[in-house]
Amino acid sequence: MKKVLTFASLLATAVIFYNCHGSKKATAAAPKTTYDGSLKAVIAANCSPCHIAGQGNKKPYDNYTNAKADIDDMIRRIDMNPTDRGFMPFKHPKLPDATIAVFKKWKADGTPEN
């Protein structure tokens, strides 16, 4: 009888540890924000016509190279208060936080192209 109880206790302990999970749940990694997949459309919708080649007279950000080179300045300027000198988009309301977050996430993800 003692052997049966010992075996049952060991079996119960093994089952508990096998099914035991840590308190931290695994989270799926958020997909990376890419220039072609996300940022290009945001720029086209919010920075046009000034920063689109052939339409405006400012540095075009409808290409990966220029956007990557100036991402720090773009974030700084769209994050400013509308009354601050250098605020973008010029003569328009401040972009929504979710839109600004796309620029910030792209930078945090390492500015991938696609």
PDB file of N, CA and C in Angstrom:
ATOM      1  N   MET A   1       0.825  -1.191   0.000  1.00  0.00           N
ATOM      2  CA  MET A   1       0.000   0.000   0.000  1.00  0.00           C
ATOM      3  C   MET A   1       0.870   1.257   0.000  1.00  0.00           C
ATOM      4  N   LYS A   2       1.975   1.196   0.767  1.00  0.00           N
ATOM      5  CA  LYS A   2       2.868   2.341   0.861  1.00  0.00           C
ATOM      6  C   LYS A   2       3.495   2.637  -0.503  1.00  0.00           C
ATOM      7  N   LYS A   3       3.837   1.584  -1.262  1.00  0.00           N
ATOM      8  CA  LYS A   3       4.421   1.764  -2.587  1.00  0.00           C
ATOM      9  C   LYS A   3       3.416   2.406  -3.544  1.00  0.00           C
ATOM     10  N   VAL A   4       2.169   2.027  -3.431  1.00  0.00           N
ATOM     11  CA  VAL A   4       1.120   2.580  -4.299  1.00  0.00           C
ATOM     12  C   VAL A   4       0.924   4.059  -4.008  1.00  0.00           C
ATOM     13  N   LEU A   5       0.892   4.439  -2.721  1.00  0.00           N
ATOM     14  CA  LEU A   5       0.729   5.851  -2.353  1.00  0.00           C
ATOM     15  C   LEU A   5       1.936   6.679  -2.796  1.00  0.00           C
ATOM     16  N   THR A   6       3.126   6.129  -2.626  1.00  0.00           N
ATOM     17  CA  THR A   6       4.331   6.843  -3.056  1.00  0.00           C
ATOM     18  C   THR A   6       4.302   7.036  -4.572  1.00  0.00           C
ATOM     19  N   PHE A   7       3.973   5.977  -5.304  1.00  0.00           N
ATOM     20  CA  PHE A   7       3.895   6.068  -6.758  1.00  0.00           C
ATOM     21  C   PHE A   7       2.835   7.080  -7.193  1.00  0.00           C
ATOM     22  N   ALA A   8       1.683   7.064  -6.548  1.00  0.00           N
ATOM     23  CA  ALA A   8       0.608   7.994  -6.873  1.00  0.00           C
ATOM     24  C   ALA A   8       1.028   9.431  -6.578  1.00  0.00           C
ATOM     25  N   SER A   9       1.731   9.649  -5.484  1.00  0.00           N
ATOM     26  CA  SER A   9       2.207  10.991  -5.133  1.00  0.00           C
ATOM     27  C   SER A   9       3.209  11.495  -6.162  1.00  0.00           C
ATOM     28  N   LEU A  10       4.136  10.627  -6.557  1.00  0.00           N
ATOM     29  CA  LEU A  10       5.130  11.015  -7.567  1.00  0.00           C
ATOM     30  C   LEU A  10       4.456  11.306  -8.912  1.00  0.00           C
ATOM     31  N   LEU A  11       3.487  10.477  -9.255  1.00  0.00           N
ATOM     32  CA  LEU A  11       2.774  10.685 -10.507  1.00  0.00           C
ATOM     33  C   LEU A  11       1.995  12.004 -10.485  1.00  0.00           C
ATOM     34  N   ALA A  12       1.325  12.286  -9.377  1.00  0.00           N
ATOM     35  CA  ALA A  12       0.576  13.540  -9.242  1.00  0.00           C
ATOM     36  C   ALA A  12       1.519  14.738  -9.318  1.00  0.00           C
ATOM     37  N   THR A  13       2.670  14.647  -8.671  1.00  0.00           N
ATOM     38  CA  THR A  13       3.656  15.737  -8.706  1.00  0.00           C
ATOM     39  C   THR A  13       4.168  15.950 -10.130  1.00  0.00           C
ATOM     40  N   ALA A  14       4.448  14.878 -10.836  1.00  0.00           N
ATOM     41  CA  ALA A  14       4.935  14.983 -12.209  1.00  0.00           C
ATOM     42  C   ALA A  14       3.889  15.636 -13.111  1.00  0.00           C
ATOM     43  N   VAL A  15       2.636  15.257 -12.947  1.00  0.00           N
ATOM     44  CA  VAL A  15       1.562  15.837 -13.752  1.00  0.00           C
ATOM     45  C   VAL A  15       1.421  17.327 -13.462  1.00  0.00           C
ATOM     46  N   ILE A  16       1.514  17.699 -12.207  1.00  0.00           N
ATOM     47  CA  ILE A  16       1.397  19.114 -11.834  1.00  0.00           C
ATOM     48  C   ILE A  16       2.517  19.931 -12.460  1.00  0.00           C
ATOM     49  N   PHE A  17       3.773  19.432 -12.327  1.00  0.00           N
ATOM     50  CA  PHE A  17       4.892  20.175 -12.892  1.00  0.00           C
ATOM     51  C   PHE A  17       4.852  20.198 -14.416  1.00  0.00           C
ATOM     52  N   TYR A  18       4.372  19.161 -15.025  1.00  0.00           N
ATOM     53  CA  TYR A  18       4.274  19.111 -16.473  1.00  0.00           C
ATOM     54  C   TYR A  18       3.306  20.175 -16.989  1.00  0.00           C
ATOM     55  N   ASN A  19       2.215  20.363 -16.294  1.00  0.00           N
ATOM     56  CA  ASN A  19       1.196  21.318 -16.714  1.00  0.00           C
ATOM     57  C   ASN A  19       1.355  22.697 -16.092  1.00  0.00           C
ATOM     58  N   CYS A  20       2.375  22.880 -15.302  1.00  0.00           N
ATOM     59  CA  CYS A  20       2.597  24.147 -14.620  1.00  0.00           C
ATOM     60  C   CYS A  20       3.146  25.174 -15.608  1.00  0.00           C
ATOM     61  N   HIS A  21       2.563  26.350 -15.616  1.00  0.00           N
ATOM     62  CA  HIS A  21       3.018  27.437 -16.478  1.00  0.00           C
ATOM     63  C   HIS A  21       3.405  28.611 -15.603  1.00  0.00           C
ATOM     64  N   GLY A  22       4.403  29.373 -16.045  1.00  0.00           N
ATOM     65  CA  GLY A  22       4.807  30.560 -15.314  1.00  0.00           C
ATOM     66  C   GLY A  22       3.714  31.609 -15.329  1.00  0.00           C
ATOM     67  N   SER A  23       3.840  32.581 -14.462  1.00  0.00           N
ATOM     68  CA  SER A  23       2.822  33.626 -14.389  1.00  0.00           C
ATOM     69  C   SER A  23       2.883  34.566 -15.585  1.00  0.00           C
ATOM     70  N   LYS A  24       4.027  34.605 -16.236  1.00  0.00           N
ATOM     71  CA  LYS A  24       4.149  35.455 -17.422  1.00  0.00           C
ATOM     72  C   LYS A  24       3.662  34.677 -18.629  1.00  0.00           C
ATOM     73  N   LYS A  25       2.700  35.218 -19.286  1.00  0.00           N
ATOM     74  CA  LYS A  25       2.171  34.559 -20.473  1.00  0.00           C
ATOM     75  C   LYS A  25       2.990  34.980 -21.678  1.00  0.00           C
ATOM     76  N   ALA A  26       3.195  34.061 -22.558  1.00  0.00           N
ATOM     77  CA  ALA A  26       3.942  34.357 -23.774  1.00  0.00           C
ATOM     78  C   ALA A  26       3.098  35.275 -24.638  1.00  0.00           C
ATOM     79  N   THR A  27       3.729  36.307 -25.144  1.00  0.00           N
ATOM     80  CA  THR A  27       3.021  37.235 -26.014  1.00  0.00           C
ATOM     81  C   THR A  27       3.597  37.126 -27.416  1.00  0.00           C
ATOM     82  N   ALA A  28       2.749  37.195 -28.374  1.00  0.00           N
ATOM     83  CA  ALA A  28       3.199  37.140 -29.756  1.00  0.00           C
ATOM     84  C   ALA A  28       3.871  38.462 -30.095  1.00  0.00           C
ATOM     85  N   ALA A  29       4.973  38.374 -30.795  1.00  0.00           N
ATOM     86  CA  ALA A  29       5.691  39.576 -31.188  1.00  0.00           C
ATOM     87  C   ALA A  29       4.855  40.359 -32.197  1.00  0.00           C
ATOM     88  N   ALA A  30       4.768  41.648 -31.986  1.00  0.00           N
ATOM     89  CA  ALA A  30       4.028  42.498 -32.917  1.00  0.00           C
ATOM     90  C   ALA A  30       4.796  42.559 -34.236  1.00  0.00           C
ATOM     91  N   PRO A  31       4.102  42.564 -35.345  1.00  0.00           N
ATOM     92  CA  PRO A  31       4.805  42.631 -36.620  1.00  0.00           C
ATOM     93  C   PRO A  31       5.550  43.953 -36.753  1.00  0.00           C
ATOM     94  N   LYS A  32       6.663  43.901 -37.441  1.00  0.00           N
ATOM     95  CA  LYS A  32       7.460  45.112 -37.632  1.00  0.00           C
ATOM     96  C   LYS A  32       6.756  46.067 -38.576  1.00  0.00           C
ATOM     97  N   THR A  33       6.931  47.335 -38.295  1.00  0.00           N
ATOM     98  CA  THR A  33       6.421  48.381 -39.167  1.00  0.00           C
ATOM     99  C   THR A  33       7.486  48.640 -40.226  1.00  0.00           C
ATOM    100  N   THR A  34       7.102  48.582 -41.484  1.00  0.00           N
ATOM    101  CA  THR A  34       8.048  48.811 -42.576  1.00  0.00           C
ATOM    102  C   THR A  34       7.656  50.066 -43.341  1.00  0.00           C
ATOM    103  N   TYR A  35       8.619  50.591 -44.080  1.00  0.00           N
ATOM    104  CA  TYR A  35       8.345  51.775 -44.886  1.00  0.00           C
ATOM    105  C   TYR A  35       7.281  51.458 -45.938  1.00  0.00           C
ATOM    106  N   ASP A  36       7.509  50.401 -46.718  1.00  0.00           N
ATOM    107  CA  ASP A  36       6.568  50.061 -47.789  1.00  0.00           C
ATOM    108  C   ASP A  36       5.218  49.600 -47.250  1.00  0.00           C
ATOM    109  N   GLY A  37       5.211  48.898 -46.114  1.00  0.00           N
ATOM    110  CA  GLY A  37       3.986  48.340 -45.587  1.00  0.00           C
ATOM    111  C   GLY A  37       3.124  49.311 -44.804  1.00  0.00           C
ATOM    112  N   SER A  38       3.730  50.340 -44.204  1.00  0.00           N
ATOM    113  CA  SER A  38       2.956  51.234 -43.346  1.00  0.00           C
ATOM    114  C   SER A  38       3.253  52.711 -43.556  1.00  0.00           C
ATOM    115  N   LEU A  39       4.521  53.068 -43.480  1.00  0.00           N
ATOM    116  CA  LEU A  39       4.867  54.491 -43.429  1.00  0.00           C
ATOM    117  C   LEU A  39       4.600  55.234 -44.733  1.00  0.00           C
ATOM    118  N   LYS A  40       4.838  54.592 -45.844  1.00  0.00           N
ATOM    119  CA  LYS A  40       4.657  55.263 -47.137  1.00  0.00           C
ATOM    120  C   LYS A  40       3.218  55.757 -47.306  1.00  0.00           C
ATOM    121  N   ALA A  41       2.254  54.946 -46.917  1.00  0.00           N
ATOM    122  CA  ALA A  41       0.843  55.339 -47.026  1.00  0.00           C
ATOM    123  C   ALA A  41       0.511  56.476 -46.062  1.00  0.00           C
ATOM    124  N   VAL A  42       1.092  56.452 -44.859  1.00  0.00           N
ATOM    125  CA  VAL A  42       0.857  57.524 -43.885  1.00  0.00           C
ATOM    126  C   VAL A  42       1.422  58.837 -44.416  1.00  0.00           C
ATOM    127  N   ILE A  43       2.604  58.776 -45.005  1.00  0.00           N
ATOM    128  CA  ILE A  43       3.219  59.976 -45.576  1.00  0.00           C
ATOM    129  C   ILE A  43       2.372  60.499 -46.740  1.00  0.00           C
ATOM    130  N   ALA A  44       1.928  59.625 -47.603  1.00  0.00           N
ATOM    131  CA  ALA A  44       1.101  60.046 -48.746  1.00  0.00           C
ATOM    132  C   ALA A  44      -0.187  60.717 -48.279  1.00  0.00           C
ATOM    133  N   ALA A  45      -0.766  60.210 -47.207  1.00  0.00           N
ATOM    134  CA  ALA A  45      -2.036  60.746 -46.708  1.00  0.00           C
ATOM    135  C   ALA A  45      -1.870  62.036 -45.919  1.00  0.00           C
ATOM    136  N   ASN A  46      -0.738  62.219 -45.258  1.00  0.00           N
ATOM    137  CA  ASN A  46      -0.606  63.341 -44.326  1.00  0.00           C
ATOM    138  C   ASN A  46       0.459  64.373 -44.685  1.00  0.00           C
ATOM    139  N   CYS A  47       1.349  64.054 -45.600  1.00  0.00           N
ATOM    140  CA  CYS A  47       2.464  64.964 -45.907  1.00  0.00           C
ATOM    141  C   CYS A  47       2.412  65.467 -47.342  1.00  0.00           C
ATOM    142  N   SER A  48       1.316  65.188 -48.000  1.00  0.00           N
ATOM    143  CA  SER A  48       1.110  65.567 -49.383  1.00  0.00           C
ATOM    144  C   SER A  48       0.482  66.956 -49.436  1.00  0.00           C
ATOM    145  N   PRO A  49       0.740  67.754 -50.378  1.00  0.00           N
ATOM    146  CA  PRO A  49       1.627  67.566 -51.510  1.00  0.00           C
ATOM    147  C   PRO A  49       3.064  68.002 -51.241  1.00  0.00           C
ATOM    148  N   CYS A  50       3.315  68.647 -50.121  1.00  0.00           N
ATOM    149  CA  CYS A  50       4.628  69.262 -49.876  1.00  0.00           C
ATOM    150  C   CYS A  50       5.801  68.285 -49.940  1.00  0.00           C
ATOM    151  N   HIS A  51       5.649  67.081 -49.377  1.00  0.00           N
ATOM    152  CA  HIS A  51       6.767  66.142 -49.293  1.00  0.00           C
ATOM    153  C   HIS A  51       6.621  64.961 -50.249  1.00  0.00           C
ATOM    154  N   ILE A  52       5.942  65.194 -51.369  1.00  0.00           N
ATOM    155  CA  ILE A  52       5.798  64.179 -52.405  1.00  0.00           C
ATOM    156  C   ILE A  52       6.512  64.688 -53.650  1.00  0.00           C
ATOM    157  N   ALA A  53       7.409  63.878 -54.202  1.00  0.00           N
ATOM    158  CA  ALA A  53       8.199  64.292 -55.366  1.00  0.00           C
ATOM    159  C   ALA A  53       7.297  64.735 -56.507  1.00  0.00           C
ATOM    160  N   GLY A  54       7.650  65.868 -57.107  1.00  0.00           N
ATOM    161  CA  GLY A  54       6.898  66.382 -58.251  1.00  0.00           C
ATOM    162  C   GLY A  54       5.662  67.175 -57.883  1.00  0.00           C
ATOM    163  N   GLN A  55       5.277  67.177 -56.612  1.00  0.00           N
ATOM    164  CA  GLN A  55       4.085  67.902 -56.194  1.00  0.00           C
ATOM    165  C   GLN A  55       4.414  69.087 -55.299  1.00  0.00           C
ATOM    166  N   GLY A  56       5.433  68.957 -54.500  1.00  0.00           N
ATOM    167  CA  GLY A  56       5.762  70.012 -53.553  1.00  0.00           C
ATOM    168  C   GLY A  56       7.178  70.499 -53.719  1.00  0.00           C
ATOM    169  N   ASN A  57       7.528  71.498 -52.913  1.00  0.00           N
ATOM    170  CA  ASN A  57       8.867  72.065 -53.024  1.00  0.00           C
ATOM    171  C   ASN A  57       9.730  71.724 -51.806  1.00  0.00           C
ATOM    172  N   LYS A  58       9.316  70.761 -51.024  1.00  0.00           N
ATOM    173  CA  LYS A  58      10.075  70.324 -49.856  1.00  0.00           C
ATOM    174  C   LYS A  58      10.748  68.994 -50.173  1.00  0.00           C
ATOM    175  N   LYS A  59      11.646  68.576 -49.284  1.00  0.00           N
ATOM    176  CA  LYS A  59      12.322  67.293 -49.470  1.00  0.00           C
ATOM    177  C   LYS A  59      11.277  66.181 -49.538  1.00  0.00           C
ATOM    178  N   PRO A  60      11.310  65.363 -50.590  1.00  0.00           N
ATOM    179  CA  PRO A  60      10.299  64.313 -50.719  1.00  0.00           C
ATOM    180  C   PRO A  60      10.554  63.146 -49.762  1.00  0.00           C
ATOM    181  N   TYR A  61       9.488  62.719 -49.107  1.00  0.00           N
ATOM    182  CA  TYR A  61       9.564  61.566 -48.210  1.00  0.00           C
ATOM    183  C   TYR A  61       8.779  60.386 -48.773  1.00  0.00           C
ATOM    184  N   ASP A  62       8.454  60.447 -50.053  1.00  0.00           N
ATOM    185  CA  ASP A  62       7.785  59.321 -50.681  1.00  0.00           C
ATOM    186  C   ASP A  62       8.806  58.314 -51.210  1.00  0.00           C
ATOM    187  N   ASN A  63      10.042  58.403 -50.683  1.00  0.00           N
ATOM    188  CA  ASN A  63      11.043  57.389 -50.985  1.00  0.00           C
ATOM    189  C   ASN A  63      11.759  56.997 -49.693  1.00  0.00           C
ATOM    190  N   TYR A  64      12.123  55.754 -49.623  1.00  0.00           N
ATOM    191  CA  TYR A  64      12.695  55.158 -48.416  1.00  0.00           C
ATOM    192  C   TYR A  64      13.958  55.873 -47.940  1.00  0.00           C
ATOM    193  N   THR A  65      14.856  56.181 -48.844  1.00  0.00           N
ATOM    194  CA  THR A  65      16.152  56.763 -48.479  1.00  0.00           C
ATOM    195  C   THR A  65      15.992  58.081 -47.736  1.00  0.00           C
ATOM    196  N   ASN A  66      15.171  58.977 -48.254  1.00  0.00           N
ATOM    197  CA  ASN A  66      14.967  60.278 -47.605  1.00  0.00           C
ATOM    198  C   ASN A  66      14.255  60.136 -46.266  1.00  0.00           C
ATOM    199  N   ALA A  67      13.251  59.285 -46.223  1.00  0.00           N
ATOM    200  CA  ALA A  67      12.498  59.093 -44.977  1.00  0.00           C
ATOM    201  C   ALA A  67      13.402  58.518 -43.894  1.00  0.00           C
ATOM    202  N   LYS A  68      14.201  57.538 -44.250  1.00  0.00           N
ATOM    203  CA  LYS A  68      15.108  56.927 -43.272  1.00  0.00           C
ATOM    204  C   LYS A  68      16.129  57.942 -42.765  1.00  0.00           C
ATOM    205  N   ALA A  69      16.655  58.746 -43.670  1.00  0.00           N
ATOM    206  CA  ALA A  69      17.669  59.730 -43.292  1.00  0.00           C
ATOM    207  C   ALA A  69      17.124  60.794 -42.336  1.00  0.00           C
ATOM    208  N   ASP A  70      15.838  61.119 -42.466  1.00  0.00           N
ATOM    209  CA  ASP A  70      15.270  62.228 -41.692  1.00  0.00           C
ATOM    210  C   ASP A  70      14.253  61.791 -40.632  1.00  0.00           C
ATOM    211  N   ILE A  71      14.202  60.514 -40.281  1.00  0.00           N
ATOM    212  CA  ILE A  71      13.160  60.046 -39.370  1.00  0.00           C
ATOM    213  C   ILE A  71      13.209  60.763 -38.019  1.00  0.00           C
ATOM    214  N   ASP A  72      14.385  61.026 -37.500  1.00  0.00           N
ATOM    215  CA  ASP A  72      14.465  61.716 -36.199  1.00  0.00           C
ATOM    216  C   ASP A  72      13.846  63.110 -36.281  1.00  0.00           C
ATOM    217  N   ASP A  73      14.150  63.839 -37.337  1.00  0.00           N
ATOM    218  CA  ASP A  73      13.598  65.185 -37.497  1.00  0.00           C
ATOM    219  C   ASP A  73      12.098  65.131 -37.771  1.00  0.00           C
ATOM    220  N   MET A  74      11.650  64.157 -38.534  1.00  0.00           N
ATOM    221  CA  MET A  74      10.218  64.035 -38.805  1.00  0.00           C
ATOM    222  C   MET A  74       9.456  63.792 -37.500  1.00  0.00           C
ATOM    223  N   ILE A  75       9.954  62.877 -36.678  1.00  0.00           N
ATOM    224  CA  ILE A  75       9.286  62.595 -35.397  1.00  0.00           C
ATOM    225  C   ILE A  75       9.301  63.831 -34.510  1.00  0.00           C
ATOM    226  N   ARG A  76      10.433  64.495 -34.451  1.00  0.00           N
ATOM    227  CA  ARG A  76      10.536  65.697 -33.612  1.00  0.00           C
ATOM    228  C   ARG A  76       9.515  66.743 -34.041  1.00  0.00           C
ATOM    229  N   ARG A  77       9.371  66.953 -35.334  1.00  0.00           N
ATOM    230  CA  ARG A  77       8.490  68.012 -35.829  1.00  0.00           C
ATOM    231  C   ARG A  77       7.007  67.662 -35.730  1.00  0.00           C
ATOM    232  N   ILE A  78       6.636  66.413 -35.952  1.00  0.00           N
ATOM    233  CA  ILE A  78       5.222  66.056 -35.837  1.00  0.00           C
ATOM    234  C   ILE A  78       4.795  65.904 -34.380  1.00  0.00           C
ATOM    235  N   ASP A  79       5.765  65.782 -33.494  1.00  0.00           N
ATOM    236  CA  ASP A  79       5.481  65.661 -32.063  1.00  0.00           C
ATOM    237  C   ASP A  79       5.385  67.021 -31.364  1.00  0.00           C
ATOM    238  N   MET A  80       5.741  68.095 -32.054  1.00  0.00           N
ATOM    239  CA  MET A  80       5.702  69.443 -31.470  1.00  0.00           C
ATOM    240  C   MET A  80       4.254  69.903 -31.264  1.00  0.00           C
ATOM    241  N   ASN A  81       4.111  70.954 -30.504  1.00  0.00           N
ATOM    242  CA  ASN A  81       2.810  71.613 -30.387  1.00  0.00           C
ATOM    243  C   ASN A  81       2.568  72.425 -31.654  1.00  0.00           C
ATOM    244  N   PRO A  82       1.341  72.525 -32.103  1.00  0.00           N
ATOM    245  CA  PRO A  82       1.053  73.267 -33.334  1.00  0.00           C
ATOM    246  C   PRO A  82       1.498  74.728 -33.309  1.00  0.00           C
ATOM    247  N   THR A  83       1.663  75.299 -32.142  1.00  0.00           N
ATOM    248  CA  THR A  83       2.092  76.698 -32.063  1.00  0.00           C
ATOM    249  C   THR A  83       3.608  76.849 -32.110  1.00  0.00           C
ATOM    250  N   ASP A  84       4.352  75.748 -32.034  1.00  0.00           N
ATOM    251  CA  ASP A  84       5.817  75.810 -32.055  1.00  0.00           C
ATOM    252  C   ASP A  84       6.336  76.006 -33.470  1.00  0.00           C
ATOM    253  N   ARG A  85       7.422  76.769 -33.559  1.00  0.00           N
ATOM    254  CA  ARG A  85       8.071  76.983 -34.854  1.00  0.00           C
ATOM    255  C   ARG A  85       8.670  75.659 -35.330  1.00  0.00           C
ATOM    256  N   GLY A  86       8.386  75.300 -36.563  1.00  0.00           N
ATOM    257  CA  GLY A  86       8.896  74.050 -37.126  1.00  0.00           C
ATOM    258  C   GLY A  86       7.900  72.903 -37.068  1.00  0.00           C
ATOM    259  N   PHE A  87       6.733  73.148 -36.464  1.00  0.00           N
ATOM    260  CA  PHE A  87       5.701  72.113 -36.361  1.00  0.00           C
ATOM    261  C   PHE A  87       5.273  71.639 -37.744  1.00  0.00           C
ATOM    262  N   MET A  88       5.046  70.351 -37.860  1.00  0.00           N
ATOM    263  CA  MET A  88       4.510  69.761 -39.086  1.00  0.00           C
ATOM    264  C   MET A  88       3.332  68.883 -38.708  1.00  0.00           C
ATOM    265  N   PRO A  89       2.359  68.764 -39.545  1.00  0.00           N
ATOM    266  CA  PRO A  89       2.233  69.342 -40.875  1.00  0.00           C
ATOM    267  C   PRO A  89       1.849  70.821 -40.808  1.00  0.00           C
ATOM    268  N   PHE A  90       2.580  71.619 -41.510  1.00  0.00           N
ATOM    269  CA  PHE A  90       2.429  73.060 -41.537  1.00  0.00           C
ATOM    270  C   PHE A  90       1.005  73.451 -41.919  1.00  0.00           C
ATOM    271  N   LYS A  91       0.416  74.348 -41.132  1.00  0.00           N
ATOM    272  CA  LYS A  91      -0.940  74.877 -41.350  1.00  0.00           C
ATOM    273  C   LYS A  91      -2.029  73.795 -41.316  1.00  0.00           C
ATOM    274  N   HIS A  92      -1.771  72.727 -40.599  1.00  0.00           N
ATOM    275  CA  HIS A  92      -2.749  71.652 -40.438  1.00  0.00           C
ATOM    276  C   HIS A  92      -2.796  71.267 -38.970  1.00  0.00           C
ATOM    277  N   PRO A  93      -3.847  70.596 -38.549  1.00  0.00           N
ATOM    278  CA  PRO A  93      -3.906  70.153 -37.149  1.00  0.00           C
ATOM    279  C   PRO A  93      -2.854  69.079 -36.877  1.00  0.00           C
ATOM    280  N   LYS A  94      -2.550  68.939 -35.606  1.00  0.00           N
ATOM    281  CA  LYS A  94      -1.591  67.915 -35.185  1.00  0.00           C
ATOM    282  C   LYS A  94      -2.114  66.537 -35.591  1.00  0.00           C
ATOM    283  N   LEU A  95      -1.190  65.682 -36.029  1.00  0.00           N
ATOM    284  CA  LEU A  95      -1.557  64.322 -36.404  1.00  0.00           C
ATOM    285  C   LEU A  95      -2.043  63.565 -35.171  1.00  0.00           C
ATOM    286  N   PRO A  96      -2.950  62.626 -35.356  1.00  0.00           N
ATOM    287  CA  PRO A  96      -3.404  61.816 -34.222  1.00  0.00           C
ATOM    288  C   PRO A  96      -2.234  61.015 -33.622  1.00  0.00           C
ATOM    289  N   ASP A  97      -2.334  60.723 -32.337  1.00  0.00           N
ATOM    290  CA  ASP A  97      -1.278  59.968 -31.653  1.00  0.00           C
ATOM    291  C   ASP A  97      -1.009  58.637 -32.340  1.00  0.00           C
ATOM    292  N   ALA A  98      -2.030  57.992 -32.846  1.00  0.00           N
ATOM    293  CA  ALA A  98      -1.849  56.701 -33.517  1.00  0.00           C
ATOM    294  C   ALA A  98      -1.005  56.847 -34.785  1.00  0.00           C
ATOM    295  N   THR A  99      -1.156  57.956 -35.478  1.00  0.00           N
ATOM    296  CA  THR A  99      -0.372  58.202 -36.689  1.00  0.00           C
ATOM    297  C   THR A  99       1.071  58.492 -36.325  1.00  0.00           C
ATOM    298  N   ILE A 100       1.280  59.306 -35.307  1.00  0.00           N
ATOM    299  CA  ILE A 100       2.638  59.600 -34.842  1.00  0.00           C
ATOM    300  C   ILE A 100       3.309  58.315 -34.367  1.00  0.00           C
ATOM    301  N   ALA A 101       2.538  57.432 -33.757  1.00  0.00           N
ATOM    302  CA  ALA A 101       3.080  56.160 -33.266  1.00  0.00           C
ATOM    303  C   ALA A 101       3.623  55.299 -34.408  1.00  0.00           C
ATOM    304  N   VAL A 102       3.055  55.417 -35.604  1.00  0.00           N
ATOM    305  CA  VAL A 102       3.558  54.652 -36.752  1.00  0.00           C
ATOM    306  C   VAL A 102       4.997  55.087 -37.062  1.00  0.00           C
ATOM    307  N   PHE A 103       5.255  56.385 -37.050  1.00  0.00           N
ATOM    308  CA  PHE A 103       6.610  56.890 -37.293  1.00  0.00           C
ATOM    309  C   PHE A 103       7.563  56.387 -36.213  1.00  0.00           C
ATOM    310  N   LYS A 104       7.139  56.472 -34.970  1.00  0.00           N
ATOM    311  CA  LYS A 104       7.985  56.055 -33.850  1.00  0.00           C
ATOM    312  C   LYS A 104       8.254  54.548 -33.877  1.00  0.00           C
ATOM    313  N   LYS A 105       7.237  53.771 -34.212  1.00  0.00           N
ATOM    314  CA  LYS A 105       7.420  52.314 -34.261  1.00  0.00           C
ATOM    315  C   LYS A 105       8.347  51.931 -35.395  1.00  0.00           C
ATOM    316  N   TRP A 106       8.233  52.617 -36.520  1.00  0.00           N
ATOM    317  CA  TRP A 106       9.122  52.340 -37.651  1.00  0.00           C
ATOM    318  C   TRP A 106      10.563  52.564 -37.238  1.00  0.00           C
ATOM    319  N   LYS A 107      10.811  53.660 -36.540  1.00  0.00           N
ATOM    320  CA  LYS A 107      12.170  53.927 -36.059  1.00  0.00           C
ATOM    321  C   LYS A 107      12.606  52.861 -35.061  1.00  0.00           C
ATOM    322  N   ALA A 108      11.733  52.542 -34.091  1.00  0.00           N
ATOM    323  CA  ALA A 108      12.073  51.541 -33.078  1.00  0.00           C
ATOM    324  C   ALA A 108      12.333  50.159 -33.690  1.00  0.00           C
ATOM    325  N   ASP A 109      11.659  49.860 -34.791  1.00  0.00           N
ATOM    326  CA  ASP A 109      11.836  48.570 -35.459  1.00  0.00           C
ATOM    327  C   ASP A 109      13.086  48.541 -36.332  1.00  0.00           C
ATOM    328  N   GLY A 110      13.824  49.650 -36.395  1.00  0.00           N
ATOM    329  CA  GLY A 110      15.070  49.681 -37.157  1.00  0.00           C
ATOM    330  C   GLY A 110      14.940  50.215 -38.570  1.00  0.00           C
ATOM    331  N   THR A 111      13.859  50.920 -38.854  1.00  0.00           N
ATOM    332  CA  THR A 111      13.569  51.526 -40.161  1.00  0.00           C
ATOM    333  C   THR A 111      13.698  50.555 -41.332  1.00  0.00           C
ATOM    334  N   PRO A 112      13.023  49.394 -41.246  1.00  0.00           N
ATOM    335  CA  PRO A 112      13.106  48.455 -42.380  1.00  0.00           C
ATOM    336  C   PRO A 112      12.334  48.966 -43.597  1.00  0.00           C
ATOM    337  N   GLU A 113      12.823  48.619 -44.770  1.00  0.00           N
ATOM    338  CA  GLU A 113      12.179  49.089 -46.003  1.00  0.00           C
ATOM    339  C   GLU A 113      10.925  48.281 -46.323  1.00  0.00           C
ATOM    340  N   ASN A 114      11.020  46.962 -46.296  1.00  0.00           N
ATOM    341  CA  ASN A 114       9.844  46.133 -46.590  1.00  0.00           C
ATOM    342  C   ASN A 114       9.922  44.807 -45.859  1.00  0.00           C
TER     343      ASN A 114
END
